[in-house]
Amino acid sequence: EVQDGLLLDVAQAYYEAVRADKQVEVLKSSLALQEARLTDVMARNEIGLARVLDVELTKSQRAQTRIELLEAITNSRTSRSLLVYLTAWRGAGESRLQDTLRVPASVPELQGAMAEATRSRYDLRAAQAAIRVAEHRVRSAYGEYFPSVSANLSYFFSRDSEPTDRSWNSLIEVSLPLFSAGVIEANVRDALSELRKAKLRYSMKR
């Protein structure tokens, strides 16, 4: 699960850097166009073919484009720094990044993809195992309500006490939980609570 999360973060940082780089290229071309347009408007204003307002509007558009370019450059540097941090590859901060991902022509059906994920995802398998463990604990907790029987056998190699003709003794104990019903009920409730939490964790992951 941690590995999948890391791969997703790397992909997001990579494509954010690619997008920011493309945006920088577009804005640089746009800024060059804005500079040429401003030069043209100023020349036309000097000979009386353009108003001062047109010059100021063109300057405002150029300033806005410069701001967007600076923001795109900042986003590119931030994304590349994050990519260097996630991949431990310093070349990500300077190399030219390209989108070479080939999207498949067809994608699997949703139900089939979900079934494959259920079979192969380790976090789901771990959550299922946690449910089975919680179910065993519930059965064990309910088992405390039933009486318990224990047998103790003793064998004697030699015996001096009466009766001397017996070489072994046995003791059978039967325990009835008459005075521990409250404790057993609390244990059962705790076990059922853990089972519900295990099922909720599985449902959330699924």
C-alpha atoms as a PDB file:
ATOM      1  CA  GLU A   1       0.000   0.000   0.000  1.00  0.00           C
ATOM      2  CA  VAL A   2       2.851   2.379   0.823  1.00  0.00           C
ATOM      3  CA  GLN A   3       4.618   1.436  -2.414  1.00  0.00           C
ATOM      4  CA  ASP A   4       1.471   2.100  -4.458  1.00  0.00           C
ATOM      5  CA  GLY A   5       1.070   5.464  -2.750  1.00  0.00           C
ATOM      6  CA  LEU A   6       4.676   6.385  -3.532  1.00  0.00           C
ATOM      7  CA  LEU A   7       4.272   5.424  -7.205  1.00  0.00           C
ATOM      8  CA  LEU A   8       1.133   7.559  -7.428  1.00  0.00           C
ATOM      9  CA  ASP A   9       2.931  10.541  -5.865  1.00  0.00           C
ATOM     10  CA  VAL A  10       5.821  10.158  -8.319  1.00  0.00           C
ATOM     11  CA  ALA A  11       3.435  10.021 -11.289  1.00  0.00           C
ATOM     12  CA  GLN A  12       1.557  13.104 -10.100  1.00  0.00           C
ATOM     13  CA  ALA A  13       4.771  15.067  -9.535  1.00  0.00           C
ATOM     14  CA  TYR A  14       6.170  13.961 -12.909  1.00  0.00           C
ATOM     15  CA  TYR A  15       3.157  15.009 -14.941  1.00  0.00           C
ATOM     16  CA  GLU A  16       2.757  18.220 -12.979  1.00  0.00           C
ATOM     17  CA  ALA A  17       6.349  19.069 -13.942  1.00  0.00           C
ATOM     18  CA  VAL A  18       5.657  18.130 -17.591  1.00  0.00           C
ATOM     19  CA  ARG A  19       2.542  20.303 -17.604  1.00  0.00           C
ATOM     20  CA  ALA A  20       4.381  23.225 -16.017  1.00  0.00           C
ATOM     21  CA  ASP A  21       7.248  22.940 -18.549  1.00  0.00           C
ATOM     22  CA  LYS A  22       4.792  23.008 -21.457  1.00  0.00           C
ATOM     23  CA  GLN A  23       3.063  25.985 -19.905  1.00  0.00           C
ATOM     24  CA  VAL A  24       6.405  27.804 -19.608  1.00  0.00           C
ATOM     25  CA  GLU A  25       7.095  27.230 -23.305  1.00  0.00           C
ATOM     26  CA  VAL A  26       3.661  28.514 -24.303  1.00  0.00           C
ATOM     27  CA  LEU A  27       3.906  31.581 -22.076  1.00  0.00           C
ATOM     28  CA  LYS A  28       7.385  32.431 -23.361  1.00  0.00           C
ATOM     29  CA  SER A  29       6.026  32.426 -26.918  1.00  0.00           C
ATOM     30  CA  SER A  30       3.050  34.463 -25.777  1.00  0.00           C
ATOM     31  CA  LEU A  31       5.331  36.955 -24.024  1.00  0.00           C
ATOM     32  CA  ALA A  32       7.428  37.373 -27.186  1.00  0.00           C
ATOM     33  CA  LEU A  33       4.206  38.050 -29.084  1.00  0.00           C
ATOM     34  CA  GLN A  34       3.138  40.566 -26.458  1.00  0.00           C
ATOM     35  CA  GLU A  35       6.492  42.365 -26.746  1.00  0.00           C
ATOM     36  CA  ALA A  36       6.148  42.579 -30.516  1.00  0.00           C
ATOM     37  CA  ARG A  37       2.594  43.811 -30.200  1.00  0.00           C
ATOM     38  CA  LEU A  38       3.622  46.472 -27.683  1.00  0.00           C
ATOM     39  CA  THR A  39       6.388  47.703 -29.980  1.00  0.00           C
ATOM     40  CA  ASP A  40       3.895  47.931 -32.835  1.00  0.00           C
ATOM     41  CA  VAL A  41       1.283  49.773 -30.753  1.00  0.00           C
ATOM     42  CA  MET A  42       3.850  52.256 -29.427  1.00  0.00           C
ATOM     43  CA  ALA A  43       5.073  52.967 -32.965  1.00  0.00           C
ATOM     44  CA  ARG A  44       1.516  53.495 -34.149  1.00  0.00           C
ATOM     45  CA  ASN A  45       0.863  55.767 -31.183  1.00  0.00           C
ATOM     46  CA  GLU A  46       3.831  57.958 -32.095  1.00  0.00           C
ATOM     47  CA  ILE A  47       2.413  58.589 -35.559  1.00  0.00           C
ATOM     48  CA  GLY A  48      -1.117  59.065 -34.239  1.00  0.00           C
ATOM     49  CA  LEU A  49      -2.695  55.781 -35.402  1.00  0.00           C
ATOM     50  CA  ALA A  50      -3.191  54.316 -31.890  1.00  0.00           C
ATOM     51  CA  ARG A  51      -4.444  55.739 -28.628  1.00  0.00           C
ATOM     52  CA  VAL A  52      -2.574  55.917 -25.349  1.00  0.00           C
ATOM     53  CA  LEU A  53      -5.226  53.594 -23.930  1.00  0.00           C
ATOM     54  CA  ASP A  54      -4.258  50.915 -26.459  1.00  0.00           C
ATOM     55  CA  VAL A  55      -0.625  51.202 -25.351  1.00  0.00           C
ATOM     56  CA  GLU A  56      -1.551  50.847 -21.681  1.00  0.00           C
ATOM     57  CA  LEU A  57      -3.818  47.852 -22.353  1.00  0.00           C
ATOM     58  CA  THR A  58      -1.030  46.121 -24.265  1.00  0.00           C
ATOM     59  CA  LYS A  59       1.390  46.816 -21.388  1.00  0.00           C
ATOM     60  CA  SER A  60      -1.155  45.382 -18.937  1.00  0.00           C
ATOM     61  CA  GLN A  61      -1.513  42.206 -21.008  1.00  0.00           C
ATOM     62  CA  ARG A  62       2.274  41.877 -21.193  1.00  0.00           C
ATOM     63  CA  ALA A  63       2.558  42.281 -17.419  1.00  0.00           C
ATOM     64  CA  GLN A  64      -0.143  39.640 -16.875  1.00  0.00           C
ATOM     65  CA  THR A  65       1.680  37.241 -19.164  1.00  0.00           C
ATOM     66  CA  ARG A  66       4.925  37.839 -17.250  1.00  0.00           C
ATOM     67  CA  ILE A  67       3.168  37.034 -13.971  1.00  0.00           C
ATOM     68  CA  GLU A  68       1.744  33.804 -15.404  1.00  0.00           C
ATOM     69  CA  LEU A  69       5.191  32.885 -16.725  1.00  0.00           C
ATOM     70  CA  LEU A  70       6.789  33.400 -13.319  1.00  0.00           C
ATOM     71  CA  GLU A  71       4.089  31.271 -11.693  1.00  0.00           C
ATOM     72  CA  ALA A  72       4.624  28.515 -14.252  1.00  0.00           C
ATOM     73  CA  ILE A  73       8.400  28.595 -13.682  1.00  0.00           C
ATOM     74  CA  THR A  74       7.822  28.371  -9.918  1.00  0.00           C
ATOM     75  CA  ASN A  75       5.432  25.425 -10.359  1.00  0.00           C
ATOM     76  CA  SER A  76       7.979  23.678 -12.582  1.00  0.00           C
ATOM     77  CA  ARG A  77      10.765  24.107 -10.018  1.00  0.00           C
ATOM     78  CA  THR A  78       8.515  22.976  -7.175  1.00  0.00           C
ATOM     79  CA  SER A  79       7.354  19.871  -9.062  1.00  0.00           C
ATOM     80  CA  ARG A  80      10.904  18.979 -10.048  1.00  0.00           C
ATOM     81  CA  SER A  81      12.135  19.420  -6.468  1.00  0.00           C
ATOM     82  CA  LEU A  82       9.360  17.118  -5.270  1.00  0.00           C
ATOM     83  CA  LEU A  83      10.271  14.620  -7.990  1.00  0.00           C
ATOM     84  CA  VAL A  84      13.920  14.672  -6.902  1.00  0.00           C
ATOM     85  CA  TYR A  85      12.813  14.084  -3.304  1.00  0.00           C
ATOM     86  CA  LEU A  86      10.507  11.178  -4.196  1.00  0.00           C
ATOM     87  CA  THR A  87      12.854   9.403  -6.616  1.00  0.00           C
ATOM     88  CA  ALA A  88      16.273  10.352  -5.156  1.00  0.00           C
ATOM     89  CA  TRP A  89      17.306  11.151  -8.754  1.00  0.00           C
ATOM     90  CA  ARG A  90      18.949  14.566  -8.956  1.00  0.00           C
ATOM     91  CA  GLY A  91      18.719  14.523 -12.736  1.00  0.00           C
ATOM     92  CA  ALA A  92      14.988  15.139 -12.430  1.00  0.00           C
ATOM     93  CA  GLY A  93      15.740  18.739 -11.540  1.00  0.00           C
ATOM     94  CA  GLU A  94      17.467  19.507 -14.847  1.00  0.00           C
ATOM     95  CA  SER A  95      16.580  16.825 -17.409  1.00  0.00           C
ATOM     96  CA  ARG A  96      13.967  17.384 -20.078  1.00  0.00           C
ATOM     97  CA  LEU A  97      10.846  15.499 -19.094  1.00  0.00           C
ATOM     98  CA  GLN A  98       8.620  14.022 -21.775  1.00  0.00           C
ATOM     99  CA  ASP A  99       5.252  12.341 -21.768  1.00  0.00           C
ATOM    100  CA  THR A 100       6.048   8.930 -23.281  1.00  0.00           C
ATOM    101  CA  LEU A 101       3.200   7.020 -21.637  1.00  0.00           C
ATOM    102  CA  ARG A 102       1.318   4.888 -24.126  1.00  0.00           C
ATOM    103  CA  VAL A 103      -2.307   4.605 -23.131  1.00  0.00           C
ATOM    104  CA  PRO A 104      -3.704   1.165 -24.089  1.00  0.00           C
ATOM    105  CA  ALA A 105      -6.390   1.094 -26.749  1.00  0.00           C
ATOM    106  CA  SER A 106      -8.737  -0.851 -24.489  1.00  0.00           C
ATOM    107  CA  VAL A 107      -9.099  -1.011 -20.750  1.00  0.00           C
ATOM    108  CA  PRO A 108     -10.422  -3.952 -18.710  1.00  0.00           C
ATOM    109  CA  GLU A 109     -14.003  -4.016 -17.541  1.00  0.00           C
ATOM    110  CA  LEU A 110     -14.655  -2.534 -14.129  1.00  0.00           C
ATOM    111  CA  GLN A 111     -15.936  -5.748 -12.552  1.00  0.00           C
ATOM    112  CA  GLY A 112     -12.951  -7.717 -13.822  1.00  0.00           C
ATOM    113  CA  ALA A 113     -10.519  -5.096 -12.544  1.00  0.00           C
ATOM    114  CA  MET A 114     -12.193  -5.128  -9.122  1.00  0.00           C
ATOM    115  CA  ALA A 115     -12.048  -8.921  -8.971  1.00  0.00           C
ATOM    116  CA  GLU A 116      -8.343  -8.894  -9.881  1.00  0.00           C
ATOM    117  CA  ALA A 117      -7.650  -6.254  -7.243  1.00  0.00           C
ATOM    118  CA  THR A 118      -9.498  -8.296  -4.620  1.00  0.00           C
ATOM    119  CA  ARG A 119      -7.323 -11.317  -5.428  1.00  0.00           C
ATOM    120  CA  SER A 120      -3.979  -9.549  -5.673  1.00  0.00           C
ATOM    121  CA  ARG A 121      -4.016  -6.599  -3.275  1.00  0.00           C
ATOM    122  CA  TYR A 122      -2.063  -7.418  -0.149  1.00  0.00           C
ATOM    123  CA  ASP A 123      -3.878  -4.894   2.030  1.00  0.00           C
ATOM    124  CA  LEU A 124      -7.228  -6.566   1.253  1.00  0.00           C
ATOM    125  CA  ARG A 125      -5.807 -10.007   1.967  1.00  0.00           C
ATOM    126  CA  ALA A 126      -4.410  -8.765   5.261  1.00  0.00           C
ATOM    127  CA  ALA A 127      -7.798  -7.237   6.151  1.00  0.00           C
ATOM    128  CA  GLN A 128      -9.525 -10.556   5.371  1.00  0.00           C
ATOM    129  CA  ALA A 129      -7.047 -12.393   7.590  1.00  0.00           C
ATOM    130  CA  ALA A 130      -7.747  -9.884  10.381  1.00  0.00           C
ATOM    131  CA  ILE A 131     -11.475 -10.701  10.118  1.00  0.00           C
ATOM    132  CA  ARG A 132     -10.771 -14.433  10.467  1.00  0.00           C
ATOM    133  CA  VAL A 133      -8.601 -13.806  13.520  1.00  0.00           C
ATOM    134  CA  ALA A 134     -11.328 -11.644  15.096  1.00  0.00           C
ATOM    135  CA  GLU A 135     -13.919 -14.372  14.448  1.00  0.00           C
ATOM    136  CA  HIS A 136     -11.743 -16.942  16.257  1.00  0.00           C
ATOM    137  CA  ARG A 137     -11.410 -14.562  19.193  1.00  0.00           C
ATOM    138  CA  VAL A 138     -15.193 -14.189  19.372  1.00  0.00           C
ATOM    139  CA  ARG A 139     -15.649 -17.971  19.478  1.00  0.00           C
ATOM    140  CA  SER A 140     -12.961 -18.205  22.145  1.00  0.00           C
ATOM    141  CA  ALA A 141     -14.664 -15.515  24.213  1.00  0.00           C
ATOM    142  CA  TYR A 142     -18.044 -17.310  23.999  1.00  0.00           C
ATOM    143  CA  GLY A 143     -16.294 -20.523  25.008  1.00  0.00           C
ATOM    144  CA  GLU A 144     -15.579 -19.032  28.431  1.00  0.00           C
ATOM    145  CA  TYR A 145     -19.283 -19.498  29.297  1.00  0.00           C
ATOM    146  CA  PHE A 146     -18.986 -23.300  29.138  1.00  0.00           C
ATOM    147  CA  PRO A 147     -17.657 -25.383  32.034  1.00  0.00           C
ATOM    148  CA  SER A 148     -14.087 -26.622  31.805  1.00  0.00           C
ATOM    149  CA  VAL A 149     -12.815 -30.071  32.737  1.00  0.00           C
ATOM    150  CA  SER A 150      -9.202 -30.899  33.618  1.00  0.00           C
ATOM    151  CA  ALA A 151      -7.572 -34.195  34.581  1.00  0.00           C
ATOM    152  CA  ASN A 152      -4.380 -34.607  36.594  1.00  0.00           C
ATOM    153  CA  LEU A 153      -2.681 -38.029  36.685  1.00  0.00           C
ATOM    154  CA  SER A 154       0.123 -38.922  39.133  1.00  0.00           C
ATOM    155  CA  TYR A 155       2.258 -42.076  38.817  1.00  0.00           C
ATOM    156  CA  PHE A 156       4.386 -43.403  41.681  1.00  0.00           C
ATOM    157  CA  PHE A 157       7.575 -45.417  41.183  1.00  0.00           C
ATOM    158  CA  SER A 158       7.537 -46.314  44.872  1.00  0.00           C
ATOM    159  CA  ARG A 159       4.992 -45.511  47.580  1.00  0.00           C
ATOM    160  CA  ASP A 160       5.297 -45.703  51.386  1.00  0.00           C
ATOM    161  CA  SER A 161       1.983 -44.085  52.322  1.00  0.00           C
ATOM    162  CA  GLU A 162      -1.380 -45.776  52.475  1.00  0.00           C
ATOM    163  CA  PRO A 163      -2.671 -47.282  50.309  1.00  0.00           C
ATOM    164  CA  THR A 164       0.588 -48.854  49.194  1.00  0.00           C
ATOM    165  CA  ASP A 165      -0.989 -51.024  46.491  1.00  0.00           C
ATOM    166  CA  ARG A 166      -1.746 -48.083  44.170  1.00  0.00           C
ATOM    167  CA  SER A 167       0.873 -46.882  41.711  1.00  0.00           C
ATOM    168  CA  TRP A 168      -1.090 -43.898  40.339  1.00  0.00           C
ATOM    169  CA  ASN A 169      -3.774 -41.394  41.314  1.00  0.00           C
ATOM    170  CA  SER A 170      -6.071 -39.273  39.206  1.00  0.00           C
ATOM    171  CA  LEU A 171      -7.808 -35.986  39.926  1.00  0.00           C
ATOM    172  CA  ILE A 172     -10.591 -34.585  37.755  1.00  0.00           C
ATOM    173  CA  GLU A 173     -11.614 -30.940  38.177  1.00  0.00           C
ATOM    174  CA  VAL A 174     -14.751 -29.351  36.772  1.00  0.00           C
ATOM    175  CA  SER A 175     -14.944 -25.540  36.791  1.00  0.00           C
ATOM    176  CA  LEU A 176     -18.215 -23.656  36.386  1.00  0.00           C
ATOM    177  CA  PRO A 177     -17.995 -19.885  35.669  1.00  0.00           C
ATOM    178  CA  LEU A 178     -20.730 -18.983  38.153  1.00  0.00           C
ATOM    179  CA  PHE A 179     -19.165 -15.764  39.455  1.00  0.00           C
ATOM    180  CA  SER A 180     -17.328 -14.496  36.351  1.00  0.00           C
ATOM    181  CA  ALA A 181     -20.260 -13.914  34.019  1.00  0.00           C
ATOM    182  CA  GLY A 182     -19.646 -10.150  34.006  1.00  0.00           C
ATOM    183  CA  VAL A 183     -15.999 -10.548  33.037  1.00  0.00           C
ATOM    184  CA  ILE A 184     -16.889 -13.061  30.317  1.00  0.00           C
ATOM    185  CA  GLU A 185     -19.590 -10.772  28.938  1.00  0.00           C
ATOM    186  CA  ALA A 186     -17.091  -7.907  28.785  1.00  0.00           C
ATOM    187  CA  ASN A 187     -14.610 -10.134  26.944  1.00  0.00           C
ATOM    188  CA  VAL A 188     -17.311 -11.146  24.474  1.00  0.00           C
ATOM    189  CA  ARG A 189     -18.276  -7.528  23.869  1.00  0.00           C
ATOM    190  CA  ASP A 190     -14.629  -6.581  23.290  1.00  0.00           C
ATOM    191  CA  ALA A 191     -14.192  -9.461  20.840  1.00  0.00           C
ATOM    192  CA  LEU A 192     -17.364  -8.494  18.943  1.00  0.00           C
ATOM    193  CA  SER A 193     -16.183  -4.882  18.811  1.00  0.00           C
ATOM    194  CA  GLU A 194     -12.836  -5.955  17.342  1.00  0.00           C
ATOM    195  CA  LEU A 195     -14.685  -8.071  14.768  1.00  0.00           C
ATOM    196  CA  ARG A 196     -16.853  -5.119  13.723  1.00  0.00           C
ATOM    197  CA  LYS A 197     -13.777  -2.902  13.416  1.00  0.00           C
ATOM    198  CA  ALA A 198     -11.986  -5.515  11.300  1.00  0.00           C
ATOM    199  CA  LYS A 199     -14.988  -5.731   8.962  1.00  0.00           C
ATOM    200  CA  LEU A 200     -15.191  -1.933   8.705  1.00  0.00           C
ATOM    201  CA  ARG A 201     -11.469  -1.712   7.870  1.00  0.00           C
ATOM    202  CA  TYR A 202     -11.930  -4.297   5.130  1.00  0.00           C
ATOM    203  CA  SER A 203     -14.969  -2.448   3.769  1.00  0.00           C
ATOM    204  CA  MET A 204     -13.054   0.858   3.730  1.00  0.00           C
ATOM    205  CA  LYS A 205     -10.061  -0.646   1.901  1.00  0.00           C
ATOM    206  CA  ARG A 206     -12.301  -2.430  -0.597  1.00  0.00           C
END
